[in-house]
């Protein structure tokens, strides 16, 4: 376990900013998958703690990514990401309070799309905006439907 922690620290410190974003998306997905495992637990304390703690970890990453957006230079792309990150945070909060999987599953789906598009952009040296737009129509629909 200690070797794994050391590896993750080195990988994070030596990663490019684009690689860090990919690691963060993977972290969100990993924590939300762990939260989903909590729904299978019989002990009420373990059930609640597993779901709550892992959702909060995913929310912390999402909120950090949201606060790190460069709204001045990012333009419309940053605005769209901010809207998505706010939406993800709200859906996870709803799932945490109600202890239901619906919002967790939805956020995993959308973050996976973002992660895959980001990975494609990194591999192809292309524009992340174009990669997201190629797959992103489904990303805007939930926000438009649920935003207050």
N, C-alpha and C. Protein backbone atom coordinates (compact mmCIF):
# COMPACT_ATOMS: atom_id res chain seq x y z
N UNK A 1 0.83 -1.19 0.00
CA UNK A 1 0.00 0.00 0.00
C UNK A 1 0.87 1.25 0.00
N UNK A 2 1.95 1.22 0.77
CA UNK A 2 2.84 2.39 0.83
C UNK A 2 3.50 2.64 -0.53
N UNK A 3 3.85 1.57 -1.24
CA UNK A 3 4.45 1.73 -2.57
C UNK A 3 3.46 2.38 -3.52
N UNK A 4 2.19 1.99 -3.43
CA UNK A 4 1.16 2.56 -4.29
C UNK A 4 1.00 4.05 -3.99
N UNK A 5 0.99 4.44 -2.72
CA UNK A 5 0.86 5.84 -2.35
C UNK A 5 2.05 6.65 -2.86
N UNK A 6 3.24 6.08 -2.77
CA UNK A 6 4.44 6.76 -3.27
C UNK A 6 4.35 6.94 -4.78
N UNK A 7 3.91 5.89 -5.46
CA UNK A 7 3.76 5.97 -6.92
C UNK A 7 2.78 7.07 -7.30
N UNK A 8 1.64 7.13 -6.61
CA UNK A 8 0.62 8.15 -6.92
C UNK A 8 1.16 9.55 -6.67
N UNK A 9 1.94 9.73 -5.60
CA UNK A 9 2.49 11.05 -5.32
C UNK A 9 3.47 11.47 -6.41
N UNK A 10 4.34 10.57 -6.83
CA UNK A 10 5.30 10.88 -7.88
C UNK A 10 4.57 11.14 -9.20
N UNK A 11 3.59 10.29 -9.51
CA UNK A 11 2.84 10.45 -10.76
C UNK A 11 2.13 11.80 -10.80
N UNK A 12 1.57 12.21 -9.68
CA UNK A 12 0.86 13.49 -9.62
C UNK A 12 1.82 14.66 -9.74
N UNK A 13 2.96 14.57 -9.08
CA UNK A 13 3.93 15.68 -9.10
C UNK A 13 4.63 15.83 -10.44
N UNK A 14 4.75 14.74 -11.19
CA UNK A 14 5.47 14.81 -12.46
C UNK A 14 4.53 14.88 -13.67
N UNK A 15 3.24 14.85 -13.42
CA UNK A 15 2.27 14.86 -14.53
C UNK A 15 2.11 16.26 -15.10
N UNK A 16 1.82 16.31 -16.38
CA UNK A 16 1.50 17.58 -17.03
C UNK A 16 0.13 18.04 -16.55
N UNK A 17 -0.22 19.31 -16.73
CA UNK A 17 -1.56 19.75 -16.33
C UNK A 17 -2.67 18.93 -16.99
N UNK A 18 -2.50 18.56 -18.25
CA UNK A 18 -3.52 17.75 -18.93
C UNK A 18 -3.63 16.37 -18.29
N UNK A 19 -2.50 15.79 -17.90
CA UNK A 19 -2.52 14.49 -17.24
C UNK A 19 -3.16 14.58 -15.86
N UNK A 20 -2.96 15.69 -15.17
CA UNK A 20 -3.57 15.88 -13.86
C UNK A 20 -5.10 15.90 -14.00
N UNK A 21 -5.60 16.58 -15.02
CA UNK A 21 -7.06 16.60 -15.25
C UNK A 21 -7.57 15.18 -15.46
N UNK A 22 -6.86 14.40 -16.23
CA UNK A 22 -7.25 13.01 -16.47
C UNK A 22 -7.25 12.22 -15.16
N UNK A 23 -6.22 12.41 -14.34
CA UNK A 23 -6.16 11.75 -13.04
C UNK A 23 -7.33 12.16 -12.14
N UNK A 24 -7.69 13.43 -12.20
CA UNK A 24 -8.81 13.92 -11.38
C UNK A 24 -10.13 13.31 -11.84
N UNK A 25 -10.35 13.25 -13.14
CA UNK A 25 -11.57 12.60 -13.64
C UNK A 25 -11.61 11.14 -13.20
N UNK A 26 -10.47 10.46 -13.29
CA UNK A 26 -10.41 9.06 -12.85
C UNK A 26 -10.70 8.95 -11.35
N UNK A 27 -10.22 9.91 -10.57
CA UNK A 27 -10.48 9.92 -9.13
C UNK A 27 -11.96 10.08 -8.83
N UNK A 28 -12.63 10.97 -9.54
CA UNK A 28 -14.07 11.16 -9.34
C UNK A 28 -14.79 9.84 -9.60
N UNK A 29 -14.48 9.22 -10.71
CA UNK A 29 -15.13 7.96 -11.07
C UNK A 29 -14.84 6.89 -10.03
N UNK A 30 -13.60 6.79 -9.60
CA UNK A 30 -13.21 5.78 -8.60
C UNK A 30 -13.98 5.97 -7.29
N UNK A 31 -14.05 7.21 -6.79
CA UNK A 31 -14.77 7.46 -5.54
C UNK A 31 -16.27 7.18 -5.68
N UNK A 32 -16.83 7.54 -6.82
CA UNK A 32 -18.27 7.29 -7.00
C UNK A 32 -18.57 5.80 -7.14
N UNK A 33 -17.68 5.05 -7.76
CA UNK A 33 -17.86 3.60 -7.82
C UNK A 33 -17.77 3.00 -6.42
N UNK A 34 -16.87 3.53 -5.59
CA UNK A 34 -16.78 3.06 -4.20
C UNK A 34 -18.04 3.41 -3.42
N UNK A 35 -18.60 4.60 -3.69
CA UNK A 35 -19.86 4.99 -3.05
C UNK A 35 -20.96 4.01 -3.43
N UNK A 36 -21.00 3.62 -4.69
CA UNK A 36 -22.03 2.67 -5.15
C UNK A 36 -21.91 1.33 -4.43
N UNK A 37 -20.69 0.94 -4.10
CA UNK A 37 -20.52 -0.32 -3.37
C UNK A 37 -21.18 -0.25 -2.00
N UNK A 38 -21.27 0.95 -1.44
CA UNK A 38 -21.91 1.13 -0.14
C UNK A 38 -23.36 0.71 -0.12
N UNK A 39 -24.03 0.78 -1.26
CA UNK A 39 -25.44 0.40 -1.30
C UNK A 39 -25.64 -1.09 -1.05
N UNK A 40 -24.59 -1.87 -1.18
CA UNK A 40 -24.69 -3.30 -0.93
C UNK A 40 -24.37 -3.71 0.50
N UNK A 41 -24.06 -2.74 1.34
CA UNK A 41 -23.70 -3.05 2.72
C UNK A 41 -24.93 -3.17 3.60
N UNK A 42 -24.89 -4.13 4.53
CA UNK A 42 -26.03 -4.36 5.43
C UNK A 42 -25.97 -3.50 6.68
N UNK A 43 -24.78 -3.26 7.19
CA UNK A 43 -24.63 -2.46 8.41
C UNK A 43 -24.98 -1.00 8.10
N UNK A 44 -25.97 -0.43 8.79
CA UNK A 44 -26.39 0.95 8.49
C UNK A 44 -25.27 1.98 8.62
N UNK A 45 -24.41 1.80 9.61
CA UNK A 45 -23.30 2.74 9.80
C UNK A 45 -22.34 2.66 8.61
N UNK A 46 -21.95 1.45 8.23
CA UNK A 46 -21.05 1.28 7.09
C UNK A 46 -21.70 1.77 5.80
N UNK A 47 -22.98 1.47 5.63
CA UNK A 47 -23.75 1.91 4.47
C UNK A 47 -23.65 3.42 4.33
N UNK A 48 -24.02 4.13 5.38
CA UNK A 48 -24.04 5.60 5.34
C UNK A 48 -22.64 6.20 5.21
N UNK A 49 -21.69 5.68 5.96
CA UNK A 49 -20.33 6.22 5.91
C UNK A 49 -19.67 6.00 4.56
N UNK A 50 -19.83 4.82 4.00
CA UNK A 50 -19.21 4.52 2.70
C UNK A 50 -19.77 5.42 1.62
N UNK A 51 -21.08 5.54 1.58
CA UNK A 51 -21.70 6.39 0.57
C UNK A 51 -21.30 7.85 0.78
N UNK A 52 -21.50 8.34 2.00
CA UNK A 52 -21.21 9.74 2.32
C UNK A 52 -19.76 10.12 2.07
N UNK A 53 -18.85 9.35 2.61
CA UNK A 53 -17.43 9.70 2.51
C UNK A 53 -16.93 9.72 1.07
N UNK A 54 -17.37 8.74 0.28
CA UNK A 54 -16.90 8.69 -1.10
C UNK A 54 -17.56 9.74 -1.99
N UNK A 55 -18.83 10.03 -1.74
CA UNK A 55 -19.46 11.12 -2.48
C UNK A 55 -18.76 12.44 -2.15
N UNK A 56 -18.48 12.66 -0.88
CA UNK A 56 -17.81 13.91 -0.49
C UNK A 56 -16.42 14.02 -1.11
N UNK A 57 -15.71 12.93 -1.23
CA UNK A 57 -14.39 12.96 -1.88
C UNK A 57 -14.53 13.33 -3.36
N UNK A 58 -15.51 12.74 -4.03
CA UNK A 58 -15.75 13.07 -5.43
C UNK A 58 -16.15 14.53 -5.57
N UNK A 59 -17.01 15.02 -4.68
CA UNK A 59 -17.43 16.42 -4.71
C UNK A 59 -16.25 17.35 -4.48
N UNK A 60 -15.33 16.97 -3.61
CA UNK A 60 -14.16 17.82 -3.35
C UNK A 60 -13.33 17.97 -4.63
N UNK A 61 -13.16 16.90 -5.38
CA UNK A 61 -12.42 16.98 -6.64
C UNK A 61 -13.17 17.85 -7.63
N UNK A 62 -14.47 17.62 -7.75
CA UNK A 62 -15.28 18.40 -8.68
C UNK A 62 -15.21 19.89 -8.33
N UNK A 63 -15.35 20.20 -7.06
CA UNK A 63 -15.31 21.61 -6.64
C UNK A 63 -13.94 22.24 -6.87
N UNK A 64 -12.89 21.47 -6.67
CA UNK A 64 -11.54 21.99 -6.94
C UNK A 64 -11.35 22.25 -8.43
N UNK A 65 -11.82 21.34 -9.26
CA UNK A 65 -11.72 21.52 -10.71
C UNK A 65 -12.55 22.73 -11.14
N UNK A 66 -13.70 22.91 -10.53
CA UNK A 66 -14.57 24.04 -10.84
C UNK A 66 -13.89 25.36 -10.49
N UNK A 67 -13.30 25.41 -9.32
CA UNK A 67 -12.63 26.64 -8.88
C UNK A 67 -11.36 26.92 -9.68
N UNK A 68 -10.79 25.90 -10.29
CA UNK A 68 -9.56 26.07 -11.06
C UNK A 68 -9.79 26.52 -12.50
N UNK A 69 -11.05 26.57 -12.92
CA UNK A 69 -11.34 26.99 -14.30
C UNK A 69 -10.90 28.43 -14.51
N UNK A 70 -10.28 28.68 -15.65
CA UNK A 70 -9.90 30.04 -16.01
C UNK A 70 -11.04 30.64 -16.82
N UNK A 71 -11.91 31.36 -16.13
CA UNK A 71 -13.12 31.89 -16.78
C UNK A 71 -12.78 33.00 -17.77
N UNK A 72 -11.68 33.70 -17.56
CA UNK A 72 -11.29 34.80 -18.45
C UNK A 72 -10.83 34.26 -19.80
N UNK A 73 -9.90 33.32 -19.78
CA UNK A 73 -9.34 32.80 -21.03
C UNK A 73 -10.12 31.62 -21.59
N UNK A 74 -10.88 30.94 -20.74
CA UNK A 74 -11.59 29.74 -21.18
C UNK A 74 -12.86 30.01 -21.96
N UNK A 75 -13.41 31.19 -21.82
CA UNK A 75 -14.60 31.57 -22.59
C UNK A 75 -15.77 30.64 -22.40
N UNK A 76 -16.46 30.36 -23.51
CA UNK A 76 -17.67 29.54 -23.47
C UNK A 76 -17.40 28.13 -22.97
N UNK A 77 -16.23 27.59 -23.30
CA UNK A 77 -15.88 26.24 -22.85
C UNK A 77 -15.83 26.18 -21.33
N UNK A 78 -15.19 27.16 -20.70
CA UNK A 78 -15.12 27.20 -19.24
C UNK A 78 -16.50 27.38 -18.62
N UNK A 79 -17.33 28.19 -19.26
CA UNK A 79 -18.70 28.39 -18.76
C UNK A 79 -19.49 27.09 -18.79
N UNK A 80 -19.34 26.32 -19.87
CA UNK A 80 -20.04 25.04 -19.97
C UNK A 80 -19.54 24.06 -18.91
N UNK A 81 -18.22 24.00 -18.72
CA UNK A 81 -17.68 23.12 -17.69
C UNK A 81 -18.15 23.54 -16.31
N UNK A 82 -18.18 24.84 -16.04
CA UNK A 82 -18.64 25.32 -14.73
C UNK A 82 -20.08 24.87 -14.50
N UNK A 83 -20.92 25.01 -15.52
CA UNK A 83 -22.30 24.56 -15.40
C UNK A 83 -22.40 23.07 -15.12
N UNK A 84 -21.57 22.30 -15.82
CA UNK A 84 -21.57 20.85 -15.59
C UNK A 84 -21.09 20.50 -14.19
N UNK A 85 -19.99 21.12 -13.77
CA UNK A 85 -19.46 20.83 -12.43
C UNK A 85 -20.47 21.20 -11.35
N UNK A 86 -21.16 22.33 -11.50
CA UNK A 86 -22.20 22.73 -10.54
C UNK A 86 -23.33 21.70 -10.53
N UNK A 87 -23.71 21.27 -11.71
CA UNK A 87 -24.77 20.28 -11.84
C UNK A 87 -24.35 18.96 -11.18
N UNK A 88 -23.13 18.51 -11.46
CA UNK A 88 -22.64 17.27 -10.85
C UNK A 88 -22.68 17.37 -9.33
N UNK A 89 -22.24 18.49 -8.80
CA UNK A 89 -22.22 18.69 -7.35
C UNK A 89 -23.64 18.60 -6.78
N UNK A 90 -24.60 19.24 -7.43
CA UNK A 90 -25.99 19.20 -6.96
C UNK A 90 -26.55 17.78 -7.00
N UNK A 91 -26.31 17.07 -8.09
CA UNK A 91 -26.83 15.70 -8.21
C UNK A 91 -26.23 14.78 -7.15
N UNK A 92 -24.93 14.97 -6.88
CA UNK A 92 -24.30 14.14 -5.85
C UNK A 92 -24.82 14.49 -4.46
N UNK A 93 -25.07 15.76 -4.22
CA UNK A 93 -25.64 16.17 -2.94
C UNK A 93 -27.01 15.53 -2.75
N UNK A 94 -27.83 15.56 -3.80
CA UNK A 94 -29.16 14.94 -3.74
C UNK A 94 -29.05 13.44 -3.44
N UNK A 95 -28.13 12.76 -4.11
CA UNK A 95 -27.95 11.33 -3.89
C UNK A 95 -27.45 11.04 -2.49
N UNK A 96 -26.60 11.90 -1.98
CA UNK A 96 -26.06 11.69 -0.64
C UNK A 96 -27.14 11.88 0.42
N UNK A 97 -27.94 12.91 0.28
CA UNK A 97 -28.99 13.17 1.26
C UNK A 97 -30.06 12.07 1.23
N UNK A 98 -30.46 11.69 0.02
CA UNK A 98 -31.53 10.69 -0.11
C UNK A 98 -31.02 9.25 -0.08
N UNK A 99 -29.71 9.09 -0.13
CA UNK A 99 -29.07 7.77 -0.19
C UNK A 99 -29.66 6.93 -1.32
N UNK A 100 -29.63 7.55 -2.53
CA UNK A 100 -30.05 6.85 -3.74
C UNK A 100 -28.91 6.89 -4.75
N UNK A 101 -28.88 5.90 -5.62
CA UNK A 101 -27.80 5.77 -6.60
C UNK A 101 -28.00 6.60 -7.86
N UNK A 102 -29.18 7.09 -8.10
CA UNK A 102 -29.52 7.71 -9.38
C UNK A 102 -28.53 8.80 -9.78
N UNK A 103 -28.29 9.77 -8.92
CA UNK A 103 -27.38 10.87 -9.24
C UNK A 103 -25.95 10.39 -9.40
N UNK A 104 -25.56 9.42 -8.60
CA UNK A 104 -24.20 8.88 -8.68
C UNK A 104 -23.97 8.24 -10.04
N UNK A 105 -24.92 7.41 -10.47
CA UNK A 105 -24.80 6.74 -11.76
C UNK A 105 -24.76 7.77 -12.89
N UNK A 106 -25.60 8.79 -12.79
CA UNK A 106 -25.65 9.82 -13.81
C UNK A 106 -24.32 10.58 -13.90
N UNK A 107 -23.77 10.95 -12.75
CA UNK A 107 -22.51 11.69 -12.75
C UNK A 107 -21.37 10.81 -13.27
N UNK A 108 -21.34 9.55 -12.89
CA UNK A 108 -20.32 8.63 -13.42
C UNK A 108 -20.39 8.62 -14.95
N UNK A 109 -21.59 8.51 -15.48
CA UNK A 109 -21.77 8.46 -16.93
C UNK A 109 -21.19 9.72 -17.60
N UNK A 110 -21.54 10.88 -17.07
CA UNK A 110 -21.10 12.13 -17.69
C UNK A 110 -19.61 12.39 -17.48
N UNK A 111 -19.08 12.06 -16.31
CA UNK A 111 -17.65 12.25 -16.07
C UNK A 111 -16.85 11.29 -16.94
N UNK A 112 -17.37 10.11 -17.17
CA UNK A 112 -16.70 9.15 -18.05
C UNK A 112 -16.61 9.71 -19.47
N UNK A 113 -17.67 10.35 -19.93
CA UNK A 113 -17.65 10.98 -21.26
C UNK A 113 -16.59 12.08 -21.29
N UNK A 114 -16.56 12.92 -20.26
CA UNK A 114 -15.54 13.98 -20.20
C UNK A 114 -14.14 13.40 -20.16
N UNK A 115 -13.95 12.37 -19.34
CA UNK A 115 -12.63 11.75 -19.22
C UNK A 115 -12.18 11.15 -20.54
N UNK A 116 -13.08 10.45 -21.22
CA UNK A 116 -12.73 9.83 -22.49
C UNK A 116 -12.42 10.88 -23.56
N UNK A 117 -13.19 11.96 -23.58
CA UNK A 117 -12.93 13.04 -24.53
C UNK A 117 -11.60 13.70 -24.22
N UNK A 118 -11.31 13.91 -22.95
CA UNK A 118 -10.05 14.52 -22.55
C UNK A 118 -8.88 13.62 -22.95
N UNK A 119 -9.03 12.33 -22.73
CA UNK A 119 -7.99 11.38 -23.11
C UNK A 119 -7.74 11.38 -24.61
N UNK A 120 -8.82 11.41 -25.39
CA UNK A 120 -8.69 11.48 -26.86
C UNK A 120 -7.96 12.75 -27.27
N UNK A 121 -8.32 13.85 -26.63
CA UNK A 121 -7.67 15.13 -26.94
C UNK A 121 -6.17 15.04 -26.66
N UNK A 122 -5.82 14.44 -25.54
CA UNK A 122 -4.40 14.32 -25.19
C UNK A 122 -3.65 13.44 -26.19
N UNK A 123 -4.27 12.36 -26.61
CA UNK A 123 -3.61 11.44 -27.54
C UNK A 123 -3.48 12.03 -28.93
N UNK A 124 -4.51 12.77 -29.35
CA UNK A 124 -4.51 13.29 -30.71
C UNK A 124 -3.92 14.67 -30.83
N UNK A 125 -3.61 15.30 -29.71
CA UNK A 125 -3.08 16.65 -29.75
C UNK A 125 -4.11 17.65 -30.25
N UNK A 126 -5.39 17.22 -30.23
CA UNK A 126 -6.46 18.07 -30.76
C UNK A 126 -7.01 19.02 -29.73
N UNK A 127 -8.06 19.64 -30.11
CA UNK A 127 -8.73 20.63 -29.29
C UNK A 127 -9.74 19.93 -28.40
N UNK A 128 -9.64 20.14 -27.08
CA UNK A 128 -10.56 19.49 -26.17
C UNK A 128 -11.99 19.92 -26.43
N UNK A 129 -12.19 21.16 -26.84
CA UNK A 129 -13.54 21.65 -27.12
C UNK A 129 -14.17 20.86 -28.25
N UNK A 130 -13.40 20.61 -29.30
CA UNK A 130 -13.91 19.84 -30.44
C UNK A 130 -14.21 18.40 -30.01
N UNK A 131 -13.35 17.82 -29.20
CA UNK A 131 -13.57 16.45 -28.74
C UNK A 131 -14.83 16.37 -27.89
N UNK A 132 -15.03 17.33 -27.03
CA UNK A 132 -16.23 17.31 -26.20
C UNK A 132 -17.48 17.55 -27.02
N UNK A 133 -17.40 18.46 -27.97
CA UNK A 133 -18.57 18.74 -28.79
C UNK A 133 -18.94 17.52 -29.63
N UNK A 134 -17.95 16.75 -30.03
CA UNK A 134 -18.23 15.56 -30.82
C UNK A 134 -19.05 14.55 -30.02
N UNK A 135 -18.85 14.51 -28.70
CA UNK A 135 -19.57 13.57 -27.85
C UNK A 135 -20.53 14.26 -26.90
N UNK A 136 -20.45 15.56 -26.81
CA UNK A 136 -21.04 16.27 -25.69
C UNK A 136 -22.48 16.65 -25.75
N UNK A 137 -23.21 16.34 -26.81
CA UNK A 137 -24.62 16.73 -26.85
C UNK A 137 -25.36 16.18 -25.64
N UNK A 138 -25.02 14.98 -25.22
CA UNK A 138 -25.71 14.38 -24.08
C UNK A 138 -25.32 15.05 -22.77
N UNK A 139 -24.21 15.78 -22.75
CA UNK A 139 -23.80 16.45 -21.53
C UNK A 139 -24.65 17.67 -21.23
N UNK A 140 -25.12 18.35 -22.26
CA UNK A 140 -25.88 19.58 -22.02
C UNK A 140 -27.32 19.30 -21.65
N UNK A 141 -27.91 18.25 -22.15
CA UNK A 141 -29.32 17.98 -21.92
C UNK A 141 -29.70 17.91 -20.45
N UNK A 142 -28.96 17.15 -19.60
CA UNK A 142 -29.38 17.05 -18.21
C UNK A 142 -29.31 18.39 -17.49
N UNK A 143 -28.32 19.19 -17.81
CA UNK A 143 -28.19 20.48 -17.16
C UNK A 143 -29.36 21.38 -17.54
N UNK A 144 -29.70 21.42 -18.80
CA UNK A 144 -30.79 22.27 -19.26
C UNK A 144 -32.12 21.79 -18.66
N UNK A 145 -32.29 20.51 -18.51
CA UNK A 145 -33.54 19.98 -18.00
C UNK A 145 -33.70 20.19 -16.51
N UNK A 146 -32.61 20.20 -15.75
CA UNK A 146 -32.72 20.23 -14.30
C UNK A 146 -32.32 21.54 -13.66
N UNK A 147 -31.68 22.43 -14.42
CA UNK A 147 -31.24 23.69 -13.82
C UNK A 147 -32.42 24.51 -13.37
N UNK A 148 -32.30 25.15 -12.19
CA UNK A 148 -33.41 25.96 -11.67
C UNK A 148 -33.62 27.21 -12.49
